[in-house]
Amino acid sequence: MAFTLRSAAPISEADLAVNPLLGVGLKIVSALAFTFMSAGIKWVGTDYPTGEIVFFRSAFALVPLAVWLSWRGDLFRAARTGDLKGHVLRGLIGSCGMFAGFISLAYLPLSDSVVIGYAAPLITVVLAAVILRERIRIYRWSAVAVGFVGVVIMVWPKLGLDSPSPGGATAIGVGFALLGACCSAGATIQVRRLMERETTAALVLYFTLLTTTLGAATFVLGWRMPNTADFSLLVLIGILGGIGQILMTQSYRYADASLIAPFDYTTMIWAFLIGWFVFGQLPSAAVLAGGGIVAGSGVFVIWREHRLGLDRVRQRETSSQRPT
């Protein structure tokens, strides 16, 4: 699970105009890193407890994150916070999403789990209206409604409701994938609140520390000692997660979010290719059709957010130019 965060350092208009193609490239590579991370989790997901995998994913993500924060001069500044409770709440919601997403990978093909996660931005719109009291106009509500139709198209065949004995492992995977999407949306809402007064460095650091702690706490429930090959893969999973986070954050330094964010859907391509060549799994026609609908709805929501943002800027500029 990845969250869209803005950079802690000020981003000037010159920075944004430097190289938008670099921003897009960083976003695509970050999506690839996260997809390889998910593939690694799927590879070991049935052999090790989920809490143990969460621990390795978070603990070793701290390595590239610490290097990056040190290079930026933000390592010690990242520990400064005026809202520790807010970070803990975000961490708990995000950790639940991480656990749920990892469990879903054990029950579903890689591409299916990834695509069902695309429901998160749609759920975020609903939560923004309910929790943040944001005004959502008919255009975005329509996109959300169409997106949820796509979700139903994806998951309905996997629930087995038309069979004499509905449910099963696939239905469990779908349930956890949807739970992960809901938690991701909830964490995004909390991130929006925290970003008003907290830096990206603090958001990344505290979330990673909390998920590491929660993963380690599951040791009492029983862990399995990994062999050398699996240990190396678990470490790589964590490092890929940290690198993906860094690349994603840096991508927003070079282009506007409305240009960058839609490229998050390239994970569908990577998940399809890795699932095919590594696991011999192909997405069903329902997943492809529903995923396309959900992705299209998500892109429309992003575009609409961008337009509304421009309108708000124009209104502020017009108000400031009026004589008092």
Protein backbone atom coordinates (compact mmCIF):
# COMPACT_ATOMS: atom_id res chain seq x y z
CA MET A 1 0.00 0.00 0.00
CA ALA A 2 1.25 3.33 -1.02
CA PHE A 3 0.12 6.76 -0.12
CA THR A 4 0.51 9.94 -2.14
CA LEU A 5 2.57 12.38 -0.11
CA ARG A 6 3.98 15.76 -0.96
CA SER A 7 7.62 16.53 -0.37
CA ALA A 8 8.80 18.00 2.93
CA ALA A 9 11.03 20.48 1.12
CA PRO A 10 9.41 23.49 -0.58
CA ILE A 11 8.63 22.85 -4.24
CA SER A 12 9.04 25.91 -6.43
CA GLU A 13 7.46 26.46 -9.84
CA ALA A 14 10.96 26.09 -11.30
CA ASP A 15 11.25 22.62 -9.77
CA LEU A 16 7.93 21.57 -11.28
CA ALA A 17 8.96 22.83 -14.72
CA VAL A 18 12.39 21.18 -14.69
CA ASN A 19 11.44 17.79 -16.05
CA PRO A 20 7.88 16.47 -15.86
CA LEU A 21 8.98 13.38 -17.80
CA LEU A 22 11.38 12.60 -14.96
CA GLY A 23 8.46 12.83 -12.52
CA VAL A 24 6.43 10.41 -14.62
CA GLY A 25 9.42 8.09 -14.93
CA LEU A 26 10.00 8.05 -11.17
CA LYS A 27 6.31 7.30 -10.59
CA ILE A 28 6.35 4.39 -13.05
CA VAL A 29 9.51 2.92 -11.51
CA SER A 30 8.02 3.31 -8.03
CA ALA A 31 4.94 1.40 -9.19
CA LEU A 32 7.24 -1.31 -10.54
CA ALA A 33 9.10 -1.48 -7.21
CA PHE A 34 5.84 -1.83 -5.26
CA THR A 35 4.62 -4.54 -7.66
CA PHE A 36 7.86 -6.53 -7.29
CA MET A 37 7.46 -6.12 -3.53
CA SER A 38 3.92 -7.54 -3.75
CA ALA A 39 5.17 -10.42 -5.89
CA GLY A 40 7.79 -11.23 -3.24
CA ILE A 41 5.12 -11.15 -0.54
CA LYS A 42 2.95 -13.51 -2.59
CA TRP A 43 5.93 -15.86 -3.04
CA VAL A 44 6.48 -16.29 0.72
CA GLY A 45 2.96 -15.40 1.88
CA THR A 46 1.81 -18.96 2.53
CA ASP A 47 5.05 -20.03 4.24
CA TYR A 48 5.39 -17.36 6.92
CA PRO A 49 3.00 -15.58 9.32
CA THR A 50 1.65 -12.29 8.00
CA GLY A 51 3.01 -10.39 11.02
CA GLU A 52 6.51 -11.64 10.28
CA ILE A 53 6.25 -10.46 6.67
CA VAL A 54 4.95 -7.06 7.84
CA PHE A 55 7.95 -6.79 10.15
CA PHE A 56 10.50 -7.48 7.40
CA ARG A 57 8.63 -5.22 4.94
CA SER A 58 8.75 -2.32 7.40
CA ALA A 59 12.04 -2.87 9.25
CA PHE A 60 14.19 -3.11 6.14
CA ALA A 61 12.32 -0.27 4.43
CA LEU A 62 13.94 1.88 7.12
CA VAL A 63 17.36 1.30 5.51
CA PRO A 64 16.81 3.23 2.24
CA LEU A 65 14.52 5.68 4.05
CA ALA A 66 17.22 6.51 6.60
CA VAL A 67 19.78 6.99 3.81
CA TRP A 68 17.37 9.23 1.88
CA LEU A 69 16.41 11.32 4.90
CA SER A 70 20.07 11.72 5.88
CA TRP A 71 20.96 12.83 2.37
CA ARG A 72 18.16 15.42 2.50
CA GLY A 73 19.15 16.52 5.98
CA ASP A 74 15.72 15.52 7.29
CA LEU A 75 16.64 12.53 9.47
CA PHE A 76 16.50 14.32 12.82
CA ARG A 77 13.83 16.76 11.69
CA ALA A 78 11.61 13.80 10.78
CA ALA A 79 11.35 12.84 14.44
CA ARG A 80 9.81 16.20 15.31
CA THR A 81 6.05 16.10 15.52
CA GLY A 82 3.29 18.05 17.16
CA ASP A 83 0.67 15.35 16.66
CA LEU A 84 1.94 11.98 17.84
CA LYS A 85 -1.62 10.70 18.36
CA GLY A 86 -2.41 11.56 14.77
CA HIS A 87 0.58 9.56 13.55
CA VAL A 88 -0.43 6.61 15.72
CA LEU A 89 -3.98 6.68 14.33
CA ARG A 90 -2.69 6.85 10.77
CA GLY A 91 -0.25 4.04 11.55
CA LEU A 92 -2.91 1.77 13.03
CA ILE A 93 -5.25 2.24 10.08
CA GLY A 94 -2.43 1.82 7.57
CA SER A 95 -1.08 -1.23 9.38
CA CYS A 96 -4.49 -2.91 9.25
CA GLY A 97 -4.50 -2.22 5.53
CA MET A 98 -1.01 -3.68 5.16
CA PHE A 99 -1.96 -6.86 7.04
CA ALA A 100 -5.15 -7.23 5.00
CA GLY A 101 -3.40 -6.61 1.69
CA PHE A 102 -0.68 -9.15 2.45
CA ILE A 103 -3.26 -11.77 3.41
CA SER A 104 -5.17 -11.18 0.17
CA LEU A 105 -2.00 -11.91 -1.83
CA ALA A 106 -1.92 -15.39 -0.31
CA TYR A 107 -5.42 -16.17 -1.64
CA LEU A 108 -5.64 -14.26 -4.92
CA PRO A 109 -3.58 -13.98 -8.11
CA LEU A 110 -1.19 -11.02 -7.95
CA SER A 111 -3.04 -9.01 -10.60
CA ASP A 112 -6.44 -9.56 -8.93
CA SER A 113 -5.23 -8.36 -5.54
CA VAL A 114 -3.57 -5.30 -7.06
CA VAL A 115 -6.56 -4.32 -9.21
CA ILE A 116 -9.11 -4.71 -6.39
CA GLY A 117 -6.94 -2.28 -4.44
CA TYR A 118 -7.81 0.36 -7.05
CA ALA A 119 -11.08 0.81 -5.16
CA ALA A 120 -9.18 2.81 -2.50
CA PRO A 121 -9.31 6.22 -4.27
CA LEU A 122 -13.06 5.81 -4.80
CA ILE A 123 -13.60 5.00 -1.12
CA THR A 124 -11.42 8.00 -0.25
CA VAL A 125 -13.91 10.30 -2.00
CA VAL A 126 -16.76 8.89 0.10
CA LEU A 127 -14.78 9.23 3.34
CA ALA A 128 -13.73 12.77 2.43
CA ALA A 129 -17.41 13.72 2.18
CA VAL A 130 -18.37 11.98 5.42
CA ILE A 131 -15.34 12.71 7.62
CA LEU A 132 -13.74 15.85 6.18
CA ARG A 133 -17.07 17.35 5.12
CA GLU A 134 -15.69 18.05 1.66
CA ARG A 135 -18.22 19.17 -0.90
CA ILE A 136 -18.42 16.46 -3.56
CA ARG A 137 -20.26 17.47 -6.71
CA ILE A 138 -22.26 15.28 -9.04
CA TYR A 139 -19.33 14.65 -11.41
CA ARG A 140 -17.19 12.92 -8.78
CA TRP A 141 -20.17 11.08 -7.27
CA SER A 142 -20.98 9.75 -10.75
CA ALA A 143 -17.38 8.60 -11.24
CA VAL A 144 -17.42 6.90 -7.84
CA ALA A 145 -20.70 5.13 -8.65
CA VAL A 146 -19.35 3.88 -11.99
CA GLY A 147 -16.14 2.80 -10.25
CA PHE A 148 -18.04 0.75 -7.70
CA VAL A 149 -19.87 -0.97 -10.55
CA GLY A 150 -16.43 -1.96 -11.81
CA VAL A 151 -15.56 -3.34 -8.37
CA VAL A 152 -18.72 -5.47 -8.37
CA ILE A 153 -17.87 -6.79 -11.85
CA MET A 154 -14.41 -7.80 -10.57
CA VAL A 155 -15.36 -9.49 -7.32
CA TRP A 156 -18.76 -11.05 -8.04
CA PRO A 157 -17.48 -14.15 -9.89
CA LYS A 158 -14.91 -14.73 -7.12
CA LEU A 159 -17.45 -14.75 -4.31
CA GLY A 160 -19.07 -17.91 -5.67
CA LEU A 161 -22.54 -16.67 -4.74
CA ASP A 162 -24.04 -18.54 -7.68
CA SER A 163 -22.64 -21.89 -6.51
CA PRO A 164 -24.32 -24.26 -4.02
CA SER A 165 -21.55 -23.56 -1.48
CA PRO A 166 -20.48 -19.90 -1.81
CA GLY A 167 -17.30 -18.60 -0.26
CA GLY A 168 -13.97 -20.38 -0.14
CA ALA A 169 -10.38 -19.24 -0.28
CA THR A 170 -10.94 -16.85 -3.18
CA ALA A 171 -13.80 -15.12 -1.38
CA ILE A 172 -11.55 -14.72 1.67
CA GLY A 173 -8.92 -13.10 -0.52
CA VAL A 174 -11.49 -10.71 -2.00
CA GLY A 175 -12.71 -9.77 1.48
CA PHE A 176 -9.22 -8.95 2.70
CA ALA A 177 -8.38 -7.05 -0.52
CA LEU A 178 -11.47 -4.87 -0.06
CA LEU A 179 -10.65 -4.39 3.63
CA GLY A 180 -7.16 -3.32 2.62
CA ALA A 181 -8.63 -0.80 0.15
CA CYS A 182 -10.91 0.62 2.86
CA CYS A 183 -8.01 0.96 5.29
CA SER A 184 -5.86 2.57 2.60
CA ALA A 185 -8.62 5.13 2.01
CA GLY A 186 -8.95 5.78 5.74
CA ALA A 187 -5.20 6.24 6.07
CA THR A 188 -5.26 8.68 3.15
CA ILE A 189 -7.88 10.79 4.94
CA GLN A 190 -5.70 10.85 8.06
CA VAL A 191 -2.66 11.77 5.95
CA ARG A 192 -4.60 14.74 4.54
CA ARG A 193 -5.20 15.94 8.08
CA LEU A 194 -1.59 15.46 9.14
CA MET A 195 -0.13 17.13 6.05
CA GLU A 196 -1.57 20.45 7.22
CA ARG A 197 1.09 20.61 9.95
CA GLU A 198 3.45 17.63 9.55
CA THR A 199 6.30 16.99 7.08
CA THR A 200 6.47 14.11 4.65
CA ALA A 201 9.59 12.89 6.46
CA ALA A 202 7.65 12.58 9.71
CA LEU A 203 4.73 10.84 7.99
CA VAL A 204 6.99 8.25 6.39
CA LEU A 205 9.17 7.69 9.46
CA TYR A 206 6.44 7.30 12.06
CA PHE A 207 4.34 5.03 9.84
CA THR A 208 7.28 2.75 9.13
CA LEU A 209 8.30 2.63 12.80
CA LEU A 210 4.78 1.75 13.91
CA THR A 211 4.27 -1.00 11.33
CA THR A 212 7.66 -2.44 12.30
CA THR A 213 6.62 -2.45 15.96
CA LEU A 214 3.25 -4.05 15.26
CA GLY A 215 4.85 -6.68 13.08
CA ALA A 216 7.41 -7.47 15.79
CA ALA A 217 4.59 -7.72 18.37
CA THR A 218 3.19 -10.74 16.53
CA PHE A 219 6.32 -12.69 17.49
CA VAL A 220 4.43 -14.00 20.52
CA LEU A 221 1.91 -15.62 18.17
CA GLY A 222 4.66 -17.66 16.55
CA TRP A 223 7.23 -16.93 13.89
CA ARG A 224 9.09 -19.22 11.54
CA MET A 225 12.86 -18.92 11.14
CA PRO A 226 13.47 -18.26 7.43
CA ASN A 227 16.16 -20.10 5.50
CA THR A 228 18.87 -18.13 3.74
CA ALA A 229 17.00 -17.73 0.45
CA ASP A 230 13.75 -16.66 2.08
CA PHE A 231 15.55 -14.32 4.47
CA SER A 232 17.20 -12.61 1.50
CA LEU A 233 13.82 -12.29 -0.22
CA LEU A 234 12.19 -10.86 2.91
CA VAL A 235 14.97 -8.28 3.21
CA LEU A 236 14.57 -7.42 -0.48
CA ILE A 237 10.82 -6.96 0.05
CA GLY A 238 11.51 -4.34 2.70
CA ILE A 239 14.15 -2.54 0.64
CA LEU A 240 11.85 -2.46 -2.41
CA GLY A 241 9.09 -0.98 -0.25
CA GLY A 242 11.41 1.76 1.00
CA ILE A 243 12.74 2.53 -2.48
CA GLY A 244 9.22 2.61 -3.90
CA GLN A 245 8.19 5.12 -1.21
CA ILE A 246 11.18 7.35 -1.96
CA LEU A 247 10.68 7.29 -5.73
CA MET A 248 6.97 8.00 -5.37
CA THR A 249 7.61 10.97 -3.07
CA GLN A 250 10.33 12.37 -5.32
CA SER A 251 8.15 12.04 -8.43
CA TYR A 252 5.86 14.77 -7.12
CA ARG A 253 8.79 17.23 -7.07
CA TYR A 254 8.95 17.33 -10.86
CA ALA A 255 5.34 17.48 -12.03
CA ASP A 256 1.84 18.25 -10.84
CA ALA A 257 -0.04 15.53 -8.98
CA SER A 258 -2.74 15.45 -11.66
CA LEU A 259 -0.08 14.35 -14.18
CA ILE A 260 1.71 11.91 -11.88
CA ALA A 261 -1.10 10.15 -10.01
CA PRO A 262 -2.75 8.32 -12.96
CA PHE A 263 0.51 6.46 -13.63
CA ASP A 264 -0.09 4.57 -10.39
CA TYR A 265 -2.36 2.40 -12.55
CA THR A 266 0.68 1.07 -14.41
CA THR A 267 0.83 -1.44 -11.54
CA MET A 268 -1.89 -3.27 -13.48
CA ILE A 269 0.58 -3.84 -16.32
CA TRP A 270 3.42 -4.93 -14.04
CA ALA A 271 1.13 -7.20 -11.99
CA PHE A 272 -0.20 -8.81 -15.18
CA LEU A 273 3.29 -9.50 -16.53
CA ILE A 274 4.80 -10.72 -13.25
CA GLY A 275 1.74 -12.83 -12.46
CA TRP A 276 1.94 -14.43 -15.88
CA PHE A 277 5.67 -15.13 -16.07
CA VAL A 278 6.40 -15.86 -12.38
CA PHE A 279 3.21 -17.46 -11.07
CA GLY A 280 1.60 -18.63 -14.29
CA GLN A 281 -1.58 -16.73 -13.40
CA LEU A 282 -3.64 -14.61 -15.77
CA PRO A 283 -6.39 -12.20 -14.71
CA SER A 284 -9.92 -13.19 -15.63
CA ALA A 285 -11.99 -11.26 -18.15
CA ALA A 286 -14.09 -9.91 -15.26
CA VAL A 287 -11.01 -8.52 -13.51
CA LEU A 288 -9.73 -6.90 -16.70
CA ALA A 289 -13.12 -5.34 -17.49
CA GLY A 290 -13.87 -4.25 -13.94
CA GLY A 291 -10.31 -3.05 -13.38
CA GLY A 292 -10.48 -0.92 -16.51
CA ILE A 293 -13.71 0.69 -15.30
CA VAL A 294 -12.27 1.35 -11.83
CA ALA A 295 -9.03 2.79 -13.25
CA GLY A 296 -10.96 5.02 -15.64
CA SER A 297 -13.13 6.29 -12.80
CA GLY A 298 -10.06 6.92 -10.68
CA VAL A 299 -8.38 8.92 -13.43
CA PHE A 300 -11.54 11.01 -13.83
CA VAL A 301 -11.62 11.71 -10.07
CA ILE A 302 -7.96 12.82 -10.21
CA TRP A 303 -8.65 15.05 -13.22
CA ARG A 304 -11.69 16.55 -11.52
CA GLU A 305 -9.70 17.23 -8.33
CA HIS A 306 -7.11 19.05 -10.47
CA ARG A 307 -9.74 21.22 -12.16
CA LEU A 308 -11.33 22.13 -8.82
CA GLY A 309 -7.88 22.99 -7.46
CA LEU A 310 -7.26 25.36 -10.36
CA ASP A 311 -10.67 26.97 -9.83
CA ARG A 312 -9.90 27.54 -6.15
CA VAL A 313 -6.56 29.16 -7.05
CA ARG A 314 -8.26 31.50 -9.54
CA GLN A 315 -10.89 32.45 -6.97
CA ARG A 316 -8.19 33.30 -4.39
CA GLU A 317 -6.26 35.34 -6.97
CA THR A 318 -9.42 37.21 -8.00
CA SER A 319 -10.31 37.93 -4.36
CA SER A 320 -6.80 39.23 -3.61
CA GLN A 321 -6.95 41.62 -6.57
CA ARG A 322 -10.23 43.22 -5.51
CA PRO A 323 -9.89 46.67 -3.93
CA THR A 324 -10.59 46.80 -0.21
